[in-house]
Amino acid sequence: MGVYIRFGQWIHPCNYEEISNFKVKQGGLWGLLDYDGRQILPCRWREIWVDKSCIRVKKGGLWALLDKEGNMLTPCQWEYLDSRK
C-alpha cells in the first residue's frame, strides 16, 4: 500500500501494511507522514494520536509527547495520557 496525490503521482512507495490518516504501519508499529509524503516519525510506535498542538506516542506501555515536527517534548513516562483540557 502506498500514498499518491490526486493526479496519480506516487509520493510514497508501497511498503506499508496499513495507512490511516497519514499514520503508516510497518512491522506492527506505527509511523507518521506529512502532507507531502515525507516521514515525520519512523514506524517504531505501538500507537500514535495526532492532536491540534502535539503528537502522542506509545512505546513499551508508556506515552510521550512530541511536537508537530516529531521532536520529543517528553520521554515515554505516562501509563495514561489524555489530550483533553
N, C-alpha and C. Protein backbone atom coordinates (compact mmCIF):
# COMPACT_ATOMS: atom_id res chain seq x y z
N MET A 1 0.85 -1.17 0.00
CA MET A 1 0.00 0.00 0.00
C MET A 1 0.89 1.23 0.00
N GLY A 2 0.52 2.23 -0.78
CA GLY A 2 1.30 3.45 -0.86
C GLY A 2 0.40 4.67 -0.83
N VAL A 3 1.02 5.83 -1.01
CA VAL A 3 0.29 7.09 -1.00
C VAL A 3 0.55 7.79 -2.32
N TYR A 4 -0.51 8.30 -2.95
CA TYR A 4 -0.32 9.07 -4.17
C TYR A 4 -1.21 10.30 -4.16
N ILE A 5 -0.82 11.29 -4.91
CA ILE A 5 -1.60 12.52 -4.98
C ILE A 5 -2.68 12.39 -6.04
N ARG A 6 -3.53 13.35 -6.12
CA ARG A 6 -4.71 13.33 -6.98
C ARG A 6 -4.42 12.98 -8.43
N PHE A 7 -3.32 13.42 -8.98
CA PHE A 7 -3.03 13.22 -10.40
C PHE A 7 -2.27 11.92 -10.67
N GLY A 8 -2.20 11.04 -9.68
CA GLY A 8 -1.60 9.73 -9.87
C GLY A 8 -0.10 9.65 -9.66
N GLN A 9 0.51 10.71 -9.18
CA GLN A 9 1.94 10.70 -8.92
C GLN A 9 2.20 10.11 -7.53
N TRP A 10 3.01 9.07 -7.45
CA TRP A 10 3.33 8.45 -6.16
C TRP A 10 4.20 9.37 -5.33
N ILE A 11 3.82 9.58 -4.07
CA ILE A 11 4.64 10.39 -3.18
C ILE A 11 5.27 9.54 -2.07
N HIS A 12 4.82 8.29 -1.95
CA HIS A 12 5.47 7.38 -1.00
C HIS A 12 5.29 5.96 -1.51
N PRO A 13 6.35 5.15 -1.45
CA PRO A 13 6.29 3.81 -2.01
C PRO A 13 5.31 2.88 -1.27
N CYS A 14 5.01 1.78 -1.92
CA CYS A 14 4.06 0.79 -1.40
C CYS A 14 4.77 -0.20 -0.46
N ASN A 15 5.13 0.23 0.73
CA ASN A 15 5.82 -0.67 1.64
C ASN A 15 5.21 -0.67 3.04
N TYR A 16 3.92 -0.37 3.14
CA TYR A 16 3.25 -0.33 4.43
C TYR A 16 2.14 -1.37 4.50
N GLU A 17 1.93 -1.89 5.71
CA GLU A 17 0.84 -2.84 5.94
C GLU A 17 -0.50 -2.12 5.97
N GLU A 18 -0.50 -0.88 6.47
CA GLU A 18 -1.73 -0.12 6.63
C GLU A 18 -1.41 1.37 6.59
N ILE A 19 -2.35 2.15 6.05
CA ILE A 19 -2.23 3.61 6.04
C ILE A 19 -3.57 4.17 6.49
N SER A 20 -3.53 5.08 7.48
CA SER A 20 -4.76 5.67 8.00
C SER A 20 -4.48 7.09 8.47
N ASN A 21 -5.05 8.08 7.78
CA ASN A 21 -4.90 9.48 8.17
C ASN A 21 -3.44 9.88 8.38
N PHE A 22 -2.59 9.56 7.42
CA PHE A 22 -1.17 9.87 7.43
C PHE A 22 -0.37 9.02 8.41
N LYS A 23 -1.03 8.15 9.17
CA LYS A 23 -0.33 7.18 10.00
C LYS A 23 -0.05 5.96 9.14
N VAL A 24 1.17 5.42 9.24
CA VAL A 24 1.55 4.26 8.44
C VAL A 24 2.05 3.15 9.36
N LYS A 25 1.70 1.91 9.02
CA LYS A 25 2.07 0.76 9.85
C LYS A 25 3.01 -0.15 9.07
N GLN A 26 4.10 -0.52 9.74
CA GLN A 26 5.09 -1.41 9.14
C GLN A 26 5.69 -2.27 10.25
N GLY A 27 5.68 -3.57 10.08
CA GLY A 27 6.21 -4.46 11.10
C GLY A 27 5.42 -4.40 12.40
N GLY A 28 4.13 -4.07 12.32
CA GLY A 28 3.29 -3.99 13.51
C GLY A 28 3.40 -2.71 14.29
N LEU A 29 4.24 -1.77 13.85
CA LEU A 29 4.43 -0.49 14.54
C LEU A 29 4.05 0.65 13.62
N TRP A 30 3.68 1.78 14.24
CA TRP A 30 3.18 2.93 13.50
C TRP A 30 4.21 4.05 13.36
N GLY A 31 4.11 4.77 12.24
CA GLY A 31 4.88 5.97 11.97
C GLY A 31 3.94 7.02 11.43
N LEU A 32 4.49 8.16 11.00
CA LEU A 32 3.66 9.27 10.55
C LEU A 32 4.29 9.96 9.36
N LEU A 33 3.46 10.27 8.35
CA LEU A 33 3.90 11.03 7.18
C LEU A 33 3.32 12.43 7.24
N ASP A 34 3.98 13.39 6.56
CA ASP A 34 3.39 14.73 6.45
C ASP A 34 2.54 14.79 5.18
N TYR A 35 2.00 15.95 4.86
CA TYR A 35 1.11 16.10 3.70
C TYR A 35 1.81 15.86 2.37
N ASP A 36 3.14 15.98 2.35
CA ASP A 36 3.90 15.74 1.13
C ASP A 36 4.42 14.31 1.04
N GLY A 37 4.07 13.46 2.00
CA GLY A 37 4.51 12.07 1.99
C GLY A 37 5.87 11.84 2.63
N ARG A 38 6.45 12.88 3.21
CA ARG A 38 7.74 12.72 3.90
C ARG A 38 7.50 12.14 5.28
N GLN A 39 8.40 11.30 5.71
CA GLN A 39 8.27 10.66 7.02
C GLN A 39 8.60 11.63 8.14
N ILE A 40 7.62 11.84 9.04
CA ILE A 40 7.84 12.66 10.24
C ILE A 40 8.34 11.76 11.36
N LEU A 41 7.69 10.62 11.53
CA LEU A 41 8.07 9.65 12.56
C LEU A 41 8.31 8.29 11.92
N PRO A 42 9.41 7.63 12.26
CA PRO A 42 9.62 6.28 11.76
C PRO A 42 8.63 5.31 12.42
N CYS A 43 8.43 4.17 11.81
CA CYS A 43 7.50 3.16 12.32
C CYS A 43 8.13 2.42 13.50
N ARG A 44 7.99 3.02 14.69
CA ARG A 44 8.54 2.41 15.90
C ARG A 44 7.63 2.58 17.11
N TRP A 45 6.39 3.03 16.88
CA TRP A 45 5.47 3.32 17.97
C TRP A 45 4.29 2.35 17.96
N ARG A 46 3.89 1.90 19.15
CA ARG A 46 2.75 1.00 19.29
C ARG A 46 1.44 1.72 18.95
N GLU A 47 1.32 3.00 19.32
CA GLU A 47 0.15 3.82 19.00
C GLU A 47 0.60 5.25 18.74
N ILE A 48 -0.15 5.95 17.88
CA ILE A 48 0.08 7.37 17.60
C ILE A 48 -1.27 8.07 17.56
N TRP A 49 -1.35 9.22 18.22
CA TRP A 49 -2.54 10.08 18.16
C TRP A 49 -2.06 11.49 17.86
N VAL A 50 -2.62 12.08 16.82
CA VAL A 50 -2.26 13.44 16.43
C VAL A 50 -3.34 14.39 16.92
N ASP A 51 -2.95 15.36 17.74
CA ASP A 51 -3.86 16.37 18.27
C ASP A 51 -3.55 17.71 17.61
N LYS A 52 -4.30 18.73 17.93
CA LYS A 52 -4.08 20.06 17.35
C LYS A 52 -2.71 20.62 17.67
N SER A 53 -2.23 20.39 18.90
CA SER A 53 -0.99 21.04 19.33
C SER A 53 0.20 20.09 19.46
N CYS A 54 -0.03 18.78 19.46
CA CYS A 54 1.08 17.85 19.66
C CYS A 54 0.74 16.46 19.12
N ILE A 55 1.70 15.56 19.22
CA ILE A 55 1.53 14.17 18.83
C ILE A 55 1.77 13.32 20.07
N ARG A 56 0.85 12.41 20.36
CA ARG A 56 1.02 11.47 21.48
C ARG A 56 1.45 10.13 20.91
N VAL A 57 2.51 9.54 21.48
CA VAL A 57 3.01 8.25 21.02
C VAL A 57 3.15 7.29 22.20
N LYS A 58 2.96 6.01 21.91
CA LYS A 58 3.06 4.99 22.96
C LYS A 58 4.10 3.95 22.56
N LYS A 59 4.98 3.64 23.50
CA LYS A 59 6.02 2.63 23.28
C LYS A 59 6.30 1.96 24.61
N GLY A 60 6.35 0.65 24.62
CA GLY A 60 6.64 -0.08 25.85
C GLY A 60 5.60 0.15 26.93
N GLY A 61 4.35 0.41 26.54
CA GLY A 61 3.28 0.62 27.50
C GLY A 61 3.21 2.02 28.09
N LEU A 62 4.11 2.92 27.66
CA LEU A 62 4.13 4.29 28.20
C LEU A 62 3.98 5.31 27.08
N TRP A 63 3.34 6.43 27.41
CA TRP A 63 3.10 7.51 26.46
C TRP A 63 4.12 8.63 26.59
N ALA A 64 4.35 9.32 25.46
CA ALA A 64 5.21 10.50 25.41
C ALA A 64 4.53 11.56 24.54
N LEU A 65 5.03 12.78 24.61
CA LEU A 65 4.55 13.88 23.77
C LEU A 65 5.64 14.32 22.81
N LEU A 66 5.24 14.58 21.56
CA LEU A 66 6.13 15.10 20.53
C LEU A 66 5.51 16.35 19.95
N ASP A 67 6.34 17.23 19.39
CA ASP A 67 5.79 18.39 18.69
C ASP A 67 5.37 17.97 17.29
N LYS A 68 4.80 18.88 16.53
CA LYS A 68 4.27 18.56 15.20
C LYS A 68 5.35 18.17 14.19
N GLU A 69 6.61 18.47 14.50
CA GLU A 69 7.72 18.08 13.62
C GLU A 69 8.31 16.73 14.02
N GLY A 70 7.80 16.13 15.11
CA GLY A 70 8.28 14.83 15.56
C GLY A 70 9.39 14.89 16.59
N ASN A 71 9.68 16.06 17.13
CA ASN A 71 10.71 16.21 18.17
C ASN A 71 10.12 15.84 19.53
N MET A 72 10.87 15.07 20.32
CA MET A 72 10.42 14.64 21.63
C MET A 72 10.29 15.84 22.58
N LEU A 73 9.11 15.99 23.17
CA LEU A 73 8.90 17.01 24.19
C LEU A 73 9.06 16.41 25.58
N THR A 74 8.68 15.15 25.72
CA THR A 74 8.83 14.41 26.98
C THR A 74 9.27 12.98 26.66
N PRO A 75 9.90 12.32 27.61
CA PRO A 75 10.19 10.90 27.40
C PRO A 75 8.92 10.07 27.56
N CYS A 76 8.97 8.80 27.19
CA CYS A 76 7.86 7.88 27.42
C CYS A 76 7.80 7.62 28.92
N GLN A 77 6.81 8.24 29.59
CA GLN A 77 6.79 8.16 31.05
C GLN A 77 5.39 7.99 31.65
N TRP A 78 4.33 8.13 30.85
CA TRP A 78 2.99 8.06 31.42
C TRP A 78 2.27 6.79 30.98
N GLU A 79 1.57 6.16 31.92
CA GLU A 79 0.74 5.00 31.57
C GLU A 79 -0.54 5.44 30.88
N TYR A 80 -0.99 6.67 31.18
CA TYR A 80 -2.21 7.22 30.58
C TYR A 80 -1.95 8.69 30.26
N LEU A 81 -2.37 9.11 29.08
CA LEU A 81 -2.18 10.49 28.66
C LEU A 81 -3.39 10.93 27.86
N ASP A 82 -4.10 11.92 28.38
CA ASP A 82 -5.33 12.41 27.77
C ASP A 82 -5.09 13.80 27.21
N SER A 83 -5.62 14.08 26.03
CA SER A 83 -5.38 15.39 25.42
C SER A 83 -6.42 16.43 25.80
N ARG A 84 -7.45 16.03 26.52
CA ARG A 84 -8.48 17.00 26.90
C ARG A 84 -7.94 17.97 27.93
N LYS A 85 -8.46 19.20 27.89
CA LYS A 85 -8.03 20.22 28.85
C LYS A 85 -8.81 20.11 30.13
